[in-house]
Amino acid sequence: MKIVDKDYHPNGSANPFVVAIVDSPEDGDTKLVIMFEDYDYIAVLSLDYLVRDEDISVRFNGHHGDRYEKLREALWDDFAG
């Protein structure tokens, strides 16, 4: 997986998160990864399906967030405390 871009969102009084665009060569798709500060709180959406088909259904966006947990250090490294 290759991180294309990332940014920190303080999210007001709620939990902060990092949003990232990640190329996922395993399935040839680009993902939008939303990773919250707490371990194992990750949302993953297919950016390709969102843009091309305007599809947010679980049919194309039922990705295992736990597979992206290995990116935590790289996603949060610029934004840690």
C-alpha atoms as a PDB file:
ATOM      1  CA  MET A   1       0.000   0.000   0.000  1.00  0.00           C
ATOM      2  CA  LYS A   2       1.233   3.459  -0.877  1.00  0.00           C
ATOM      3  CA  ILE A   3       0.095   6.611   0.912  1.00  0.00           C
ATOM      4  CA  VAL A   4      -0.564   9.250  -1.758  1.00  0.00           C
ATOM      5  CA  ASP A   5      -1.660  12.056   0.559  1.00  0.00           C
ATOM      6  CA  LYS A   6      -2.798  12.508   4.158  1.00  0.00           C
ATOM      7  CA  ASP A   7      -4.121  15.210   6.446  1.00  0.00           C
ATOM      8  CA  TYR A   8      -5.059  15.582  10.102  1.00  0.00           C
ATOM      9  CA  HIS A   9      -8.565  16.683  11.082  1.00  0.00           C
ATOM     10  CA  PRO A  10      -8.978  17.837  14.695  1.00  0.00           C
ATOM     11  CA  ASN A  11     -12.759  17.280  14.355  1.00  0.00           C
ATOM     12  CA  GLY A  12     -13.843  19.935  16.842  1.00  0.00           C
ATOM     13  CA  SER A  13     -14.777  18.433  20.191  1.00  0.00           C
ATOM     14  CA  ALA A  14     -15.066  14.901  18.727  1.00  0.00           C
ATOM     15  CA  ASN A  15     -12.304  12.371  18.104  1.00  0.00           C
ATOM     16  CA  PRO A  16      -9.563  13.613  15.778  1.00  0.00           C
ATOM     17  CA  PHE A  17      -8.726  11.571  12.694  1.00  0.00           C
ATOM     18  CA  VAL A  18      -6.336  11.336   9.777  1.00  0.00           C
ATOM     19  CA  VAL A  19      -7.755  11.002   6.288  1.00  0.00           C
ATOM     20  CA  ALA A  20      -5.562   9.542   3.562  1.00  0.00           C
ATOM     21  CA  ILE A  21      -5.619   8.535  -0.065  1.00  0.00           C
ATOM     22  CA  VAL A  22      -3.983   5.115  -0.334  1.00  0.00           C
ATOM     23  CA  ASP A  23      -3.156   3.177  -3.489  1.00  0.00           C
ATOM     24  CA  SER A  24      -3.939  -0.467  -2.883  1.00  0.00           C
ATOM     25  CA  PRO A  25      -2.147  -2.577  -5.513  1.00  0.00           C
ATOM     26  CA  GLU A  26      -3.627  -5.824  -4.148  1.00  0.00           C
ATOM     27  CA  ASP A  27      -6.983  -4.984  -5.717  1.00  0.00           C
ATOM     28  CA  GLY A  28      -5.933  -2.225  -8.131  1.00  0.00           C
ATOM     29  CA  ASP A  29      -8.044   0.351  -6.329  1.00  0.00           C
ATOM     30  CA  THR A  30      -7.455   3.661  -4.601  1.00  0.00           C
ATOM     31  CA  LYS A  31      -8.908   3.936  -1.116  1.00  0.00           C
ATOM     32  CA  LEU A  32     -10.019   6.773   1.110  1.00  0.00           C
ATOM     33  CA  VAL A  33      -8.852   5.761   4.585  1.00  0.00           C
ATOM     34  CA  ILE A  34     -10.202   7.520   7.669  1.00  0.00           C
ATOM     35  CA  MET A  35      -8.225   6.524  10.751  1.00  0.00           C
ATOM     36  CA  PHE A  36      -9.254   7.691  14.182  1.00  0.00           C
ATOM     37  CA  GLU A  37      -6.826   8.122  17.053  1.00  0.00           C
ATOM     38  CA  ASP A  38      -8.052   4.976  18.827  1.00  0.00           C
ATOM     39  CA  TYR A  39      -6.614   1.678  17.644  1.00  0.00           C
ATOM     40  CA  ASP A  40      -8.856  -0.315  15.265  1.00  0.00           C
ATOM     41  CA  TYR A  41     -11.169   2.602  14.436  1.00  0.00           C
ATOM     42  CA  ILE A  42     -10.719   2.803  10.678  1.00  0.00           C
ATOM     43  CA  ALA A  43     -13.107   3.436   7.800  1.00  0.00           C
ATOM     44  CA  VAL A  44     -12.059   2.460   4.288  1.00  0.00           C
ATOM     45  CA  LEU A  45     -13.931   3.468   1.140  1.00  0.00           C
ATOM     46  CA  SER A  46     -13.109   2.844  -2.510  1.00  0.00           C
ATOM     47  CA  LEU A  47     -12.284   6.256  -3.912  1.00  0.00           C
ATOM     48  CA  ASP A  48     -12.624   4.842  -7.425  1.00  0.00           C
ATOM     49  CA  TYR A  49     -16.231   3.745  -6.832  1.00  0.00           C
ATOM     50  CA  LEU A  50     -17.065   6.956  -4.978  1.00  0.00           C
ATOM     51  CA  VAL A  51     -15.902   9.156  -7.842  1.00  0.00           C
ATOM     52  CA  ARG A  52     -16.732   7.044 -10.880  1.00  0.00           C
ATOM     53  CA  ASP A  53     -20.037   5.507  -9.777  1.00  0.00           C
ATOM     54  CA  GLU A  54     -21.046   7.718  -6.844  1.00  0.00           C
ATOM     55  CA  ASP A  55     -21.491   4.444  -4.977  1.00  0.00           C
ATOM     56  CA  ILE A  56     -21.146   4.314  -1.190  1.00  0.00           C
ATOM     57  CA  SER A  57     -22.774   0.908  -0.788  1.00  0.00           C
ATOM     58  CA  VAL A  58     -21.207  -1.872   1.232  1.00  0.00           C
ATOM     59  CA  ARG A  59     -21.113  -3.891  -1.987  1.00  0.00           C
ATOM     60  CA  PHE A  60     -18.022  -1.940  -3.112  1.00  0.00           C
ATOM     61  CA  ASN A  61     -16.963  -0.511   0.228  1.00  0.00           C
ATOM     62  CA  GLY A  62     -16.966  -3.505   2.548  1.00  0.00           C
ATOM     63  CA  HIS A  63     -13.240  -3.271   3.214  1.00  0.00           C
ATOM     64  CA  HIS A  64     -11.486  -4.632   6.275  1.00  0.00           C
ATOM     65  CA  GLY A  65     -10.172  -1.617   8.161  1.00  0.00           C
ATOM     66  CA  ASP A  66      -7.901  -3.889  10.190  1.00  0.00           C
ATOM     67  CA  ARG A  67      -5.800  -4.484   7.059  1.00  0.00           C
ATOM     68  CA  TYR A  68      -4.963  -0.777   7.083  1.00  0.00           C
ATOM     69  CA  GLU A  69      -3.941  -0.699  10.742  1.00  0.00           C
ATOM     70  CA  LYS A  70      -0.356  -1.374   9.614  1.00  0.00           C
ATOM     71  CA  LEU A  71      -0.361   2.168   8.171  1.00  0.00           C
ATOM     72  CA  ARG A  72      -1.096   3.779  11.561  1.00  0.00           C
ATOM     73  CA  GLU A  73       2.457   4.899  12.323  1.00  0.00           C
ATOM     74  CA  ALA A  74       2.983   6.311   8.832  1.00  0.00           C
ATOM     75  CA  LEU A  75      -0.371   8.105   8.828  1.00  0.00           C
ATOM     76  CA  TRP A  76      -0.016   9.646  12.280  1.00  0.00           C
ATOM     77  CA  ASP A  77       3.749  10.315  12.352  1.00  0.00           C
ATOM     78  CA  ASP A  78       3.511  13.995  11.323  1.00  0.00           C
ATOM     79  CA  PHE A  79       0.604  14.700  13.660  1.00  0.00           C
ATOM     80  CA  ALA A  80       1.446  12.895  16.918  1.00  0.00           C
ATOM     81  CA  GLY A  81       1.293  14.978  20.103  1.00  0.00           C
END
